[in-house]
C-alpha cells in the first residue's frame, strides 16, 4: 500500500507563499494536491499537473519543475517516488529560472 506523498518541507512552501502574494494561491494549491497524491512516476505527476517537467541537472539527478501562478514562477522539486517523498528545492521567478544557474547548483 502506498501512502500519500510526504513533503520536505511544506513550511518552505508556506514561506514562499507569504513572500509572493501573487503566487500564494498556486503554491498552496500545489501543496494541497501534492500532500494527497500517490505519485509513482512522472506520468502520475502530470495527471495532477499537466505541465510538470523532469529536468536533468549538473549532479546527474533529475528534478521536477512545476509552473506556478500562470507560469510567472517555477517550483523545482526532487521527487523520490520509491519513498513517497517530495523535496522542495527552489522557487524562482521565470526570469531567474531562464538563467539556468540553478541547474549548475543542483
C-alpha atoms as a PDB file:
ATOM      1  CA  UNK A   1       0.000   0.000   0.000  1.00  0.00           C
ATOM      2  CA  UNK A   2       1.396   3.374  -0.962  1.00  0.00           C
ATOM      3  CA  UNK A   3       0.719   6.312   1.318  1.00  0.00           C
ATOM      4  CA  UNK A   4       0.296   9.940   0.341  1.00  0.00           C
ATOM      5  CA  UNK A   5       3.391  11.905  -0.602  1.00  0.00           C
ATOM      6  CA  UNK A   6       5.416  13.394   2.237  1.00  0.00           C
ATOM      7  CA  UNK A   7       6.765  16.903   1.728  1.00  0.00           C
ATOM      8  CA  UNK A   8      10.163  18.147   2.834  1.00  0.00           C
ATOM      9  CA  UNK A   9       9.397  20.883   3.643  1.00  0.00           C
ATOM     10  CA  UNK A  10       5.830  22.122   3.484  1.00  0.00           C
ATOM     11  CA  UNK A  11       6.821  25.056   5.678  1.00  0.00           C
ATOM     12  CA  UNK A  12       9.075  26.343   2.887  1.00  0.00           C
ATOM     13  CA  UNK A  13       6.092  26.417   0.503  1.00  0.00           C
ATOM     14  CA  UNK A  14       4.089  28.427   3.026  1.00  0.00           C
ATOM     15  CA  UNK A  15       7.029  30.820   3.499  1.00  0.00           C
ATOM     16  CA  UNK A  16       7.326  31.375  -0.254  1.00  0.00           C
ATOM     17  CA  UNK A  17       3.562  31.923  -0.429  1.00  0.00           C
ATOM     18  CA  UNK A  18       3.904  34.581   2.261  1.00  0.00           C
ATOM     19  CA  UNK A  19       6.705  36.313   0.357  1.00  0.00           C
ATOM     20  CA  UNK A  20       4.948  36.279  -3.027  1.00  0.00           C
ATOM     21  CA  UNK A  21       1.256  37.086  -2.612  1.00  0.00           C
ATOM     22  CA  UNK A  22       0.608  36.675  -6.346  1.00  0.00           C
ATOM     23  CA  UNK A  23       1.905  33.097  -6.160  1.00  0.00           C
ATOM     24  CA  UNK A  24       0.256  32.155  -2.858  1.00  0.00           C
ATOM     25  CA  UNK A  25      -2.956  30.579  -4.251  1.00  0.00           C
ATOM     26  CA  UNK A  26      -0.981  28.462  -6.738  1.00  0.00           C
ATOM     27  CA  UNK A  27       1.630  27.401  -4.185  1.00  0.00           C
ATOM     28  CA  UNK A  28      -0.940  26.494  -1.554  1.00  0.00           C
ATOM     29  CA  UNK A  29      -2.982  24.625  -4.166  1.00  0.00           C
ATOM     30  CA  UNK A  30       0.139  22.734  -5.249  1.00  0.00           C
ATOM     31  CA  UNK A  31       0.821  21.886  -1.609  1.00  0.00           C
ATOM     32  CA  UNK A  32      -2.679  20.530  -1.055  1.00  0.00           C
ATOM     33  CA  UNK A  33      -2.668  18.381  -4.200  1.00  0.00           C
ATOM     34  CA  UNK A  34       0.849  17.089  -3.560  1.00  0.00           C
ATOM     35  CA  UNK A  35       0.204  16.104   0.040  1.00  0.00           C
ATOM     36  CA  UNK A  36      -2.703  13.895  -1.008  1.00  0.00           C
ATOM     37  CA  UNK A  37      -1.021  12.475  -4.136  1.00  0.00           C
ATOM     38  CA  UNK A  38       0.295   8.944  -4.533  1.00  0.00           C
ATOM     39  CA  UNK A  39       2.683   9.506  -7.403  1.00  0.00           C
ATOM     40  CA  UNK A  40       4.718   6.593  -8.698  1.00  0.00           C
ATOM     41  CA  UNK A  41       6.259   8.358 -11.693  1.00  0.00           C
ATOM     42  CA  UNK A  42       6.184  11.488 -13.838  1.00  0.00           C
ATOM     43  CA  UNK A  43       3.074  10.270 -15.649  1.00  0.00           C
ATOM     44  CA  UNK A  44       1.191  10.346 -12.329  1.00  0.00           C
ATOM     45  CA  UNK A  45       2.524  13.821 -11.582  1.00  0.00           C
ATOM     46  CA  UNK A  46       1.297  15.016 -14.974  1.00  0.00           C
ATOM     47  CA  UNK A  47      -2.189  13.766 -14.210  1.00  0.00           C
ATOM     48  CA  UNK A  48      -2.178  16.274 -11.343  1.00  0.00           C
ATOM     49  CA  UNK A  49      -0.056  18.972 -13.024  1.00  0.00           C
ATOM     50  CA  UNK A  50      -0.016  18.615 -16.808  1.00  0.00           C
ATOM     51  CA  UNK A  51       2.923  20.981 -17.299  1.00  0.00           C
ATOM     52  CA  UNK A  52       5.299  19.292 -14.842  1.00  0.00           C
ATOM     53  CA  UNK A  53       8.639  18.549 -16.476  1.00  0.00           C
ATOM     54  CA  UNK A  54      11.568  16.351 -15.490  1.00  0.00           C
ATOM     55  CA  UNK A  55      14.943  18.068 -15.991  1.00  0.00           C
ATOM     56  CA  UNK A  56      18.409  16.580 -15.564  1.00  0.00           C
ATOM     57  CA  UNK A  57      20.780  18.808 -13.545  1.00  0.00           C
ATOM     58  CA  UNK A  58      24.567  19.018 -13.171  1.00  0.00           C
ATOM     59  CA  UNK A  59      24.701  16.345 -10.450  1.00  0.00           C
ATOM     60  CA  UNK A  60      23.158  13.868 -12.880  1.00  0.00           C
ATOM     61  CA  UNK A  61      19.942  13.769 -10.867  1.00  0.00           C
ATOM     62  CA  UNK A  62      16.541  14.574 -12.297  1.00  0.00           C
ATOM     63  CA  UNK A  63      14.370  17.265 -10.738  1.00  0.00           C
ATOM     64  CA  UNK A  64      10.732  18.010 -11.468  1.00  0.00           C
ATOM     65  CA  UNK A  65       9.708  21.538 -12.427  1.00  0.00           C
ATOM     66  CA  UNK A  66       6.230  22.946 -11.800  1.00  0.00           C
ATOM     67  CA  UNK A  67       4.783  26.112 -13.347  1.00  0.00           C
ATOM     68  CA  UNK A  68       3.312  28.321 -10.638  1.00  0.00           C
ATOM     69  CA  UNK A  69       0.976  31.334 -10.877  1.00  0.00           C
ATOM     70  CA  UNK A  70       0.300  31.230 -14.578  1.00  0.00           C
ATOM     71  CA  UNK A  71       3.923  30.472 -15.493  1.00  0.00           C
ATOM     72  CA  UNK A  72       5.328  33.506 -13.622  1.00  0.00           C
ATOM     73  CA  UNK A  73       7.273  31.244 -11.268  1.00  0.00           C
ATOM     74  CA  UNK A  74       8.926  27.831 -11.245  1.00  0.00           C
ATOM     75  CA  UNK A  75       8.943  25.424  -8.339  1.00  0.00           C
ATOM     76  CA  UNK A  76      11.857  23.000  -8.501  1.00  0.00           C
ATOM     77  CA  UNK A  77      11.489  19.730  -6.613  1.00  0.00           C
ATOM     78  CA  UNK A  78      13.176  16.370  -6.204  1.00  0.00           C
ATOM     79  CA  UNK A  79      10.653  13.560  -6.099  1.00  0.00           C
ATOM     80  CA  UNK A  80      11.684  10.215  -4.651  1.00  0.00           C
ATOM     81  CA  UNK A  81       8.854   8.043  -5.916  1.00  0.00           C
ATOM     82  CA  UNK A  82      10.138   4.884  -4.229  1.00  0.00           C
ATOM     83  CA  UNK A  83       9.962   6.604  -0.829  1.00  0.00           C
ATOM     84  CA  UNK A  84       6.921   8.798  -1.468  1.00  0.00           C
ATOM     85  CA  UNK A  85       8.857  11.970  -0.660  1.00  0.00           C
ATOM     86  CA  UNK A  86       8.919  15.369  -2.402  1.00  0.00           C
ATOM     87  CA  UNK A  87      11.779  17.752  -1.585  1.00  0.00           C
ATOM     88  CA  UNK A  88      11.212  21.434  -2.342  1.00  0.00           C
ATOM     89  CA  UNK A  89      14.498  22.796  -3.699  1.00  0.00           C
ATOM     90  CA  UNK A  90      13.969  26.212  -5.293  1.00  0.00           C
ATOM     91  CA  UNK A  91      11.229  28.720  -6.029  1.00  0.00           C
ATOM     92  CA  UNK A  92      12.257  31.088  -8.822  1.00  0.00           C
ATOM     93  CA  UNK A  93      10.759  33.769 -10.988  1.00  0.00           C
ATOM     94  CA  UNK A  94      10.512  32.814 -14.634  1.00  0.00           C
ATOM     95  CA  UNK A  95      13.443  35.171 -15.390  1.00  0.00           C
ATOM     96  CA  UNK A  96      15.641  33.579 -12.685  1.00  0.00           C
ATOM     97  CA  UNK A  97      14.743  30.124 -13.952  1.00  0.00           C
ATOM     98  CA  UNK A  98      15.662  31.033 -17.537  1.00  0.00           C
ATOM     99  CA  UNK A  99      19.220  31.933 -16.483  1.00  0.00           C
ATOM    100  CA  UNK A 100      19.698  28.232 -15.651  1.00  0.00           C
ATOM    101  CA  UNK A 101      22.144  28.980 -12.808  1.00  0.00           C
ATOM    102  CA  UNK A 102      20.085  26.611 -10.644  1.00  0.00           C
ATOM    103  CA  UNK A 103      20.928  23.694 -12.955  1.00  0.00           C
ATOM    104  CA  UNK A 104      24.604  24.010 -12.123  1.00  0.00           C
ATOM    105  CA  UNK A 105      23.876  24.289  -8.394  1.00  0.00           C
ATOM    106  CA  UNK A 106      21.758  21.145  -8.111  1.00  0.00           C
END
